[in-house]
Amino acid sequence: MMYYLWYLKMLKGLENVKGVIDYPKERKKIVVLTPEKENEMKIILEKIHYTLLLPKPPKPTYKSYCRKCAYFEFCWS
């Protein structure tokens, strides 16, 4: 969600963008793009750009939630 808010502000020129993540049976979360989150997005996008320039992708780091992830076989095959 944060990326889409950043996109709307930085690339489409919209101000005061907000979003809602709504899980019907769980909870609703309002997401606001703050200056801190903007800086965080900038750092994340720079890291993604750097990773794309690598000749080989970095080795995956196993996390406890990896077993349940839909991409498990993609990372660990």
PDB file of N, CA and C in Angstrom:
ATOM      1  N   MET A   1       0.828  -1.182   0.000  1.00  0.00           N
ATOM      2  CA  MET A   1       0.000   0.000   0.000  1.00  0.00           C
ATOM      3  C   MET A   1       0.879   1.255   0.000  1.00  0.00           C
ATOM      4  N   MET A   2       1.942   1.223   0.810  1.00  0.00           N
ATOM      5  CA  MET A   2       2.783   2.412   0.930  1.00  0.00           C
ATOM      6  C   MET A   2       3.389   2.795  -0.419  1.00  0.00           C
ATOM      7  N   TYR A   3       3.774   1.787  -1.229  1.00  0.00           N
ATOM      8  CA  TYR A   3       4.328   2.089  -2.544  1.00  0.00           C
ATOM      9  C   TYR A   3       3.315   2.841  -3.402  1.00  0.00           C
ATOM     10  N   TYR A   4       2.078   2.410  -3.387  1.00  0.00           N
ATOM     11  CA  TYR A   4       1.062   3.055  -4.216  1.00  0.00           C
ATOM     12  C   TYR A   4       0.794   4.487  -3.751  1.00  0.00           C
ATOM     13  N   LEU A   5       0.834   4.715  -2.464  1.00  0.00           N
ATOM     14  CA  LEU A   5       0.680   6.083  -1.960  1.00  0.00           C
ATOM     15  C   LEU A   5       1.855   6.939  -2.405  1.00  0.00           C
ATOM     16  N   TRP A   6       3.061   6.383  -2.303  1.00  0.00           N
ATOM     17  CA  TRP A   6       4.259   7.095  -2.756  1.00  0.00           C
ATOM     18  C   TRP A   6       4.163   7.397  -4.250  1.00  0.00           C
ATOM     19  N   TYR A   7       3.720   6.420  -5.031  1.00  0.00           N
ATOM     20  CA  TYR A   7       3.565   6.582  -6.475  1.00  0.00           C
ATOM     21  C   TYR A   7       2.607   7.729  -6.798  1.00  0.00           C
ATOM     22  N   LEU A   8       1.472   7.748  -6.123  1.00  0.00           N
ATOM     23  CA  LEU A   8       0.482   8.795  -6.384  1.00  0.00           C
ATOM     24  C   LEU A   8       1.029  10.178  -6.060  1.00  0.00           C
ATOM     25  N   LYS A   9       1.826  10.269  -5.004  1.00  0.00           N
ATOM     26  CA  LYS A   9       2.375  11.572  -4.635  1.00  0.00           C
ATOM     27  C   LYS A   9       3.527  11.973  -5.546  1.00  0.00           C
ATOM     28  N   MET A  10       4.499  11.093  -5.702  1.00  0.00           N
ATOM     29  CA  MET A  10       5.724  11.454  -6.412  1.00  0.00           C
ATOM     30  C   MET A  10       5.562  11.479  -7.932  1.00  0.00           C
ATOM     31  N   LEU A  11       4.808  10.570  -8.483  1.00  0.00           N
ATOM     32  CA  LEU A  11       4.726  10.473  -9.935  1.00  0.00           C
ATOM     33  C   LEU A  11       3.447  11.053 -10.524  1.00  0.00           C
ATOM     34  N   LYS A  12       2.429  11.216  -9.706  1.00  0.00           N
ATOM     35  CA  LYS A  12       1.173  11.776 -10.197  1.00  0.00           C
ATOM     36  C   LYS A  12       0.866  13.144  -9.597  1.00  0.00           C
ATOM     37  N   GLY A  13       1.678  13.578  -8.614  1.00  0.00           N
ATOM     38  CA  GLY A  13       1.529  14.916  -8.063  1.00  0.00           C
ATOM     39  C   GLY A  13       0.381  15.115  -7.087  1.00  0.00           C
ATOM     40  N   LEU A  14      -0.195  14.055  -6.573  1.00  0.00           N
ATOM     41  CA  LEU A  14      -1.291  14.190  -5.613  1.00  0.00           C
ATOM     42  C   LEU A  14      -0.731  14.465  -4.222  1.00  0.00           C
ATOM     43  N   GLU A  15      -1.452  15.213  -3.425  1.00  0.00           N
ATOM     44  CA  GLU A  15      -1.027  15.536  -2.062  1.00  0.00           C
ATOM     45  C   GLU A  15      -1.954  14.870  -1.054  1.00  0.00           C
ATOM     46  N   ASN A  16      -1.461  14.707   0.166  1.00  0.00           N
ATOM     47  CA  ASN A  16      -2.243  14.152   1.277  1.00  0.00           C
ATOM     48  C   ASN A  16      -2.929  12.837   0.909  1.00  0.00           C
ATOM     49  N   VAL A  17      -2.168  11.927   0.333  1.00  0.00           N
ATOM     50  CA  VAL A  17      -2.746  10.648  -0.074  1.00  0.00           C
ATOM     51  C   VAL A  17      -2.852   9.701   1.121  1.00  0.00           C
ATOM     52  N   LYS A  18      -3.937   8.952   1.151  1.00  0.00           N
ATOM     53  CA  LYS A  18      -4.196   7.968   2.199  1.00  0.00           C
ATOM     54  C   LYS A  18      -4.762   6.727   1.537  1.00  0.00           C
ATOM     55  N   GLY A  19      -4.651   5.622   2.222  1.00  0.00           N
ATOM     56  CA  GLY A  19      -5.215   4.383   1.717  1.00  0.00           C
ATOM     57  C   GLY A  19      -5.794   3.575   2.854  1.00  0.00           C
ATOM     58  N   VAL A  20      -6.616   2.614   2.516  1.00  0.00           N
ATOM     59  CA  VAL A  20      -7.231   1.747   3.518  1.00  0.00           C
ATOM     60  C   VAL A  20      -6.978   0.302   3.117  1.00  0.00           C
ATOM     61  N   ILE A  21      -6.451  -0.464   4.059  1.00  0.00           N
ATOM     62  CA  ILE A  21      -6.326  -1.903   3.882  1.00  0.00           C
ATOM     63  C   ILE A  21      -7.456  -2.512   4.688  1.00  0.00           C
ATOM     64  N   ASP A  22      -8.332  -3.226   4.018  1.00  0.00           N
ATOM     65  CA  ASP A  22      -9.527  -3.749   4.675  1.00  0.00           C
ATOM     66  C   ASP A  22      -9.570  -5.266   4.547  1.00  0.00           C
ATOM     67  N   TYR A  23      -9.366  -5.940   5.668  1.00  0.00           N
ATOM     68  CA  TYR A  23      -9.507  -7.386   5.736  1.00  0.00           C
ATOM     69  C   TYR A  23     -10.887  -7.652   6.321  1.00  0.00           C
ATOM     70  N   PRO A  24     -11.836  -8.105   5.525  1.00  0.00           N
ATOM     71  CA  PRO A  24     -13.234  -8.180   5.961  1.00  0.00           C
ATOM     72  C   PRO A  24     -13.480  -8.770   7.345  1.00  0.00           C
ATOM     73  N   LYS A  25     -12.894  -9.897   7.660  1.00  0.00           N
ATOM     74  CA  LYS A  25     -13.204 -10.517   8.946  1.00  0.00           C
ATOM     75  C   LYS A  25     -12.148 -10.218  10.004  1.00  0.00           C
ATOM     76  N   GLU A  26     -11.144  -9.448   9.668  1.00  0.00           N
ATOM     77  CA  GLU A  26     -10.069  -9.216  10.621  1.00  0.00           C
ATOM     78  C   GLU A  26     -10.058  -7.780  11.135  1.00  0.00           C
ATOM     79  N   ARG A  27      -9.587  -6.860  10.297  1.00  0.00           N
ATOM     80  CA  ARG A  27      -9.468  -5.484  10.753  1.00  0.00           C
ATOM     81  C   ARG A  27      -9.314  -4.540   9.562  1.00  0.00           C
ATOM     82  N   LYS A  28      -9.382  -3.286   9.849  1.00  0.00           N
ATOM     83  CA  LYS A  28      -9.220  -2.243   8.845  1.00  0.00           C
ATOM     84  C   LYS A  28      -8.039  -1.380   9.286  1.00  0.00           C
ATOM     85  N   LYS A  29      -7.151  -1.058   8.358  1.00  0.00           N
ATOM     86  CA  LYS A  29      -5.987  -0.251   8.698  1.00  0.00           C
ATOM     87  C   LYS A  29      -5.888   0.918   7.728  1.00  0.00           C
ATOM     88  N   ILE A  30      -5.803   2.122   8.269  1.00  0.00           N
ATOM     89  CA  ILE A  30      -5.627   3.320   7.452  1.00  0.00           C
ATOM     90  C   ILE A  30      -4.132   3.582   7.337  1.00  0.00           C
ATOM     91  N   VAL A  31      -3.671   3.799   6.116  1.00  0.00           N
ATOM     92  CA  VAL A  31      -2.255   4.019   5.849  1.00  0.00           C
ATOM     93  C   VAL A  31      -2.080   5.441   5.335  1.00  0.00           C
ATOM     94  N   VAL A  32      -1.148   6.176   5.951  1.00  0.00           N
ATOM     95  CA  VAL A  32      -0.877   7.559   5.570  1.00  0.00           C
ATOM     96  C   VAL A  32       0.586   7.665   5.161  1.00  0.00           C
ATOM     97  N   LEU A  33       0.845   8.363   4.080  1.00  0.00           N
ATOM     98  CA  LEU A  33       2.211   8.568   3.611  1.00  0.00           C
ATOM     99  C   LEU A  33       2.818   9.750   4.360  1.00  0.00           C
ATOM    100  N   THR A  34       3.667   9.457   5.333  1.00  0.00           N
ATOM    101  CA  THR A  34       4.336  10.491   6.125  1.00  0.00           C
ATOM    102  C   THR A  34       5.708  10.767   5.519  1.00  0.00           C
ATOM    103  N   PRO A  35       6.348  11.876   5.895  1.00  0.00           N
ATOM    104  CA  PRO A  35       7.711  12.135   5.399  1.00  0.00           C
ATOM    105  C   PRO A  35       8.680  10.994   5.741  1.00  0.00           C
ATOM    106  N   GLU A  36       8.514  10.391   6.910  1.00  0.00           N
ATOM    107  CA  GLU A  36       9.381   9.273   7.288  1.00  0.00           C
ATOM    108  C   GLU A  36       9.168   8.083   6.359  1.00  0.00           C
ATOM    109  N   LYS A  37       7.905   7.809   6.041  1.00  0.00           N
ATOM    110  CA  LYS A  37       7.596   6.696   5.138  1.00  0.00           C
ATOM    111  C   LYS A  37       8.079   6.996   3.720  1.00  0.00           C
ATOM    112  N   GLU A  38       8.035   8.265   3.319  1.00  0.00           N
ATOM    113  CA  GLU A  38       8.562   8.644   2.006  1.00  0.00           C
ATOM    114  C   GLU A  38      10.046   8.330   1.923  1.00  0.00           C
ATOM    115  N   ASN A  39      10.792   8.698   2.978  1.00  0.00           N
ATOM    116  CA  ASN A  39      12.227   8.408   3.005  1.00  0.00           C
ATOM    117  C   ASN A  39      12.482   6.908   3.001  1.00  0.00           C
ATOM    118  N   GLU A  40      11.670   6.168   3.742  1.00  0.00           N
ATOM    119  CA  GLU A  40      11.800   4.716   3.776  1.00  0.00           C
ATOM    120  C   GLU A  40      11.565   4.128   2.385  1.00  0.00           C
ATOM    121  N   MET A  41      10.549   4.634   1.680  1.00  0.00           N
ATOM    122  CA  MET A  41      10.268   4.158   0.322  1.00  0.00           C
ATOM    123  C   MET A  41      11.433   4.463  -0.614  1.00  0.00           C
ATOM    124  N   LYS A  42      12.030   5.638  -0.468  1.00  0.00           N
ATOM    125  CA  LYS A  42      13.161   6.013  -1.314  1.00  0.00           C
ATOM    126  C   LYS A  42      14.318   5.034  -1.114  1.00  0.00           C
ATOM    127  N   ILE A  43      14.604   4.695   0.139  1.00  0.00           N
ATOM    128  CA  ILE A  43      15.686   3.752   0.442  1.00  0.00           C
ATOM    129  C   ILE A  43      15.370   2.368  -0.116  1.00  0.00           C
ATOM    130  N   ILE A  44      14.142   1.911   0.060  1.00  0.00           N
ATOM    131  CA  ILE A  44      13.739   0.595  -0.446  1.00  0.00           C
ATOM    132  C   ILE A  44      13.862   0.542  -1.966  1.00  0.00           C
ATOM    133  N   LEU A  45      13.403   1.586  -2.651  1.00  0.00           N
ATOM    134  CA  LEU A  45      13.477   1.604  -4.115  1.00  0.00           C
ATOM    135  C   LEU A  45      14.920   1.650  -4.598  1.00  0.00           C
ATOM    136  N   GLU A  46      15.804   2.351  -3.867  1.00  0.00           N
ATOM    137  CA  GLU A  46      17.227   2.358  -4.218  1.00  0.00           C
ATOM    138  C   GLU A  46      17.830   0.961  -4.065  1.00  0.00           C
ATOM    139  N   LYS A  47      17.441   0.245  -3.003  1.00  0.00           N
ATOM    140  CA  LYS A  47      17.936  -1.117  -2.800  1.00  0.00           C
ATOM    141  C   LYS A  47      17.439  -2.043  -3.905  1.00  0.00           C
ATOM    142  N   ILE A  48      16.193  -1.872  -4.316  1.00  0.00           N
ATOM    143  CA  ILE A  48      15.647  -2.688  -5.410  1.00  0.00           C
ATOM    144  C   ILE A  48      16.415  -2.414  -6.695  1.00  0.00           C
ATOM    145  N   HIS A  49      16.664  -1.148  -6.976  1.00  0.00           N
ATOM    146  CA  HIS A  49      17.407  -0.773  -8.183  1.00  0.00           C
ATOM    147  C   HIS A  49      18.807  -1.392  -8.155  1.00  0.00           C
ATOM    148  N   TYR A  50      19.479  -1.312  -7.009  1.00  0.00           N
ATOM    149  CA  TYR A  50      20.812  -1.902  -6.861  1.00  0.00           C
ATOM    150  C   TYR A  50      20.755  -3.409  -7.109  1.00  0.00           C
ATOM    151  N   THR A  51      19.770  -4.081  -6.547  1.00  0.00           N
ATOM    152  CA  THR A  51      19.632  -5.529  -6.711  1.00  0.00           C
ATOM    153  C   THR A  51      19.412  -5.893  -8.176  1.00  0.00           C
ATOM    154  N   LEU A  52      18.637  -5.091  -8.884  1.00  0.00           N
ATOM    155  CA  LEU A  52      18.388  -5.364 -10.303  1.00  0.00           C
ATOM    156  C   LEU A  52      19.649  -5.232 -11.147  1.00  0.00           C
ATOM    157  N   LEU A  53      20.607  -4.425 -10.690  1.00  0.00           N
ATOM    158  CA  LEU A  53      21.847  -4.230 -11.438  1.00  0.00           C
ATOM    159  C   LEU A  53      22.886  -5.325 -11.183  1.00  0.00           C
ATOM    160  N   LEU A  54      22.663  -6.166 -10.178  1.00  0.00           N
ATOM    161  CA  LEU A  54      23.606  -7.238  -9.865  1.00  0.00           C
ATOM    162  C   LEU A  54      23.618  -8.278 -10.982  1.00  0.00           C
ATOM    163  N   PRO A  55      24.793  -8.864 -11.271  1.00  0.00           N
ATOM    164  CA  PRO A  55      24.838  -9.901 -12.307  1.00  0.00           C
ATOM    165  C   PRO A  55      24.097 -11.175 -11.904  1.00  0.00           C
ATOM    166  N   LYS A  56      24.054 -11.466 -10.593  1.00  0.00           N
ATOM    167  CA  LYS A  56      23.327 -12.625 -10.066  1.00  0.00           C
ATOM    168  C   LYS A  56      22.472 -12.146  -8.903  1.00  0.00           C
ATOM    169  N   PRO A  57      21.305 -12.731  -8.719  1.00  0.00           N
ATOM    170  CA  PRO A  57      20.496 -12.329  -7.560  1.00  0.00           C
ATOM    171  C   PRO A  57      21.174 -12.771  -6.264  1.00  0.00           C
ATOM    172  N   PRO A  58      20.948 -12.047  -5.174  1.00  0.00           N
ATOM    173  CA  PRO A  58      21.540 -12.459  -3.899  1.00  0.00           C
ATOM    174  C   PRO A  58      20.919 -13.769  -3.416  1.00  0.00           C
ATOM    175  N   LYS A  59      21.680 -14.494  -2.596  1.00  0.00           N
ATOM    176  CA  LYS A  59      21.151 -15.742  -2.035  1.00  0.00           C
ATOM    177  C   LYS A  59      20.009 -15.407  -1.090  1.00  0.00           C
ATOM    178  N   PRO A  60      18.946 -16.216  -1.094  1.00  0.00           N
ATOM    179  CA  PRO A  60      17.811 -15.930  -0.210  1.00  0.00           C
ATOM    180  C   PRO A  60      18.172 -16.148   1.258  1.00  0.00           C
ATOM    181  N   THR A  61      17.497 -15.425   2.114  1.00  0.00           N
ATOM    182  CA  THR A  61      17.659 -15.566   3.555  1.00  0.00           C
ATOM    183  C   THR A  61      16.410 -16.238   4.091  1.00  0.00           C
ATOM    184  N   TYR A  62      16.578 -17.401   4.713  1.00  0.00           N
ATOM    185  CA  TYR A  62      15.430 -18.142   5.220  1.00  0.00           C
ATOM    186  C   TYR A  62      14.851 -17.448   6.448  1.00  0.00           C
ATOM    187  N   LYS A  63      13.551 -17.267   6.463  1.00  0.00           N
ATOM    188  CA  LYS A  63      12.822 -16.695   7.597  1.00  0.00           C
ATOM    189  C   LYS A  63      11.816 -17.736   8.077  1.00  0.00           C
ATOM    190  N   SER A  64      11.356 -17.587   9.297  1.00  0.00           N
ATOM    191  CA  SER A  64      10.435 -18.576   9.865  1.00  0.00           C
ATOM    192  C   SER A  64       9.127 -18.689   9.078  1.00  0.00           C
ATOM    193  N   TYR A  65       8.684 -17.622   8.452  1.00  0.00           N
ATOM    194  CA  TYR A  65       7.425 -17.647   7.713  1.00  0.00           C
ATOM    195  C   TYR A  65       7.586 -18.146   6.276  1.00  0.00           C
ATOM    196  N   CYS A  66       8.810 -18.485   5.864  1.00  0.00           N
ATOM    197  CA  CYS A  66       9.045 -18.931   4.488  1.00  0.00           C
ATOM    198  C   CYS A  66       8.257 -20.192   4.129  1.00  0.00           C
ATOM    199  N   ARG A  67       8.126 -21.127   5.053  1.00  0.00           N
ATOM    200  CA  ARG A  67       7.432 -22.384   4.771  1.00  0.00           C
ATOM    201  C   ARG A  67       6.003 -22.170   4.294  1.00  0.00           C
ATOM    202  N   LYS A  68       5.340 -21.154   4.807  1.00  0.00           N
ATOM    203  CA  LYS A  68       3.934 -20.910   4.476  1.00  0.00           C
ATOM    204  C   LYS A  68       3.760 -19.971   3.286  1.00  0.00           C
ATOM    205  N   CYS A  69       4.863 -19.466   2.761  1.00  0.00           N
ATOM    206  CA  CYS A  69       4.797 -18.476   1.684  1.00  0.00           C
ATOM    207  C   CYS A  69       4.479 -19.139   0.343  1.00  0.00           C
ATOM    208  N   ALA A  70       3.685 -18.454  -0.457  1.00  0.00           N
ATOM    209  CA  ALA A  70       3.328 -18.962  -1.784  1.00  0.00           C
ATOM    210  C   ALA A  70       4.541 -19.028  -2.713  1.00  0.00           C
ATOM    211  N   TYR A  71       5.584 -18.259  -2.416  1.00  0.00           N
ATOM    212  CA  TYR A  71       6.781 -18.221  -3.256  1.00  0.00           C
ATOM    213  C   TYR A  71       7.896 -19.128  -2.739  1.00  0.00           C
ATOM    214  N   PHE A  72       7.604 -19.990  -1.772  1.00  0.00           N
ATOM    215  CA  PHE A  72       8.621 -20.842  -1.153  1.00  0.00           C
ATOM    216  C   PHE A  72       9.458 -21.584  -2.192  1.00  0.00           C
ATOM    217  N   GLU A  73       8.816 -22.249  -3.131  1.00  0.00           N
ATOM    218  CA  GLU A  73       9.548 -23.027  -4.131  1.00  0.00           C
ATOM    219  C   GLU A  73      10.348 -22.132  -5.063  1.00  0.00           C
ATOM    220  N   PHE A  74       9.883 -20.929  -5.299  1.00  0.00           N
ATOM    221  CA  PHE A  74      10.602 -19.994  -6.154  1.00  0.00           C
ATOM    222  C   PHE A  74      11.954 -19.638  -5.529  1.00  0.00           C
ATOM    223  N   CYS A  75      11.978 -19.398  -4.232  1.00  0.00           N
ATOM    224  CA  CYS A  75      13.209 -19.011  -3.536  1.00  0.00           C
ATOM    225  C   CYS A  75      14.119 -20.195  -3.245  1.00  0.00           C
ATOM    226  N   TRP A  76      13.528 -21.336  -2.893  1.00  0.00           N
ATOM    227  CA  TRP A  76      14.322 -22.433  -2.341  1.00  0.00           C
ATOM    228  C   TRP A  76      14.457 -23.639  -3.260  1.00  0.00           C
ATOM    229  N   SER A  77      14.105 -23.529  -4.515  1.00  0.00           N
ATOM    230  CA  SER A  77      14.264 -24.686  -5.402  1.00  0.00           C
ATOM    231  C   SER A  77      15.603 -24.658  -6.105  1.00  0.00           C
TER     232      SER A  77
END
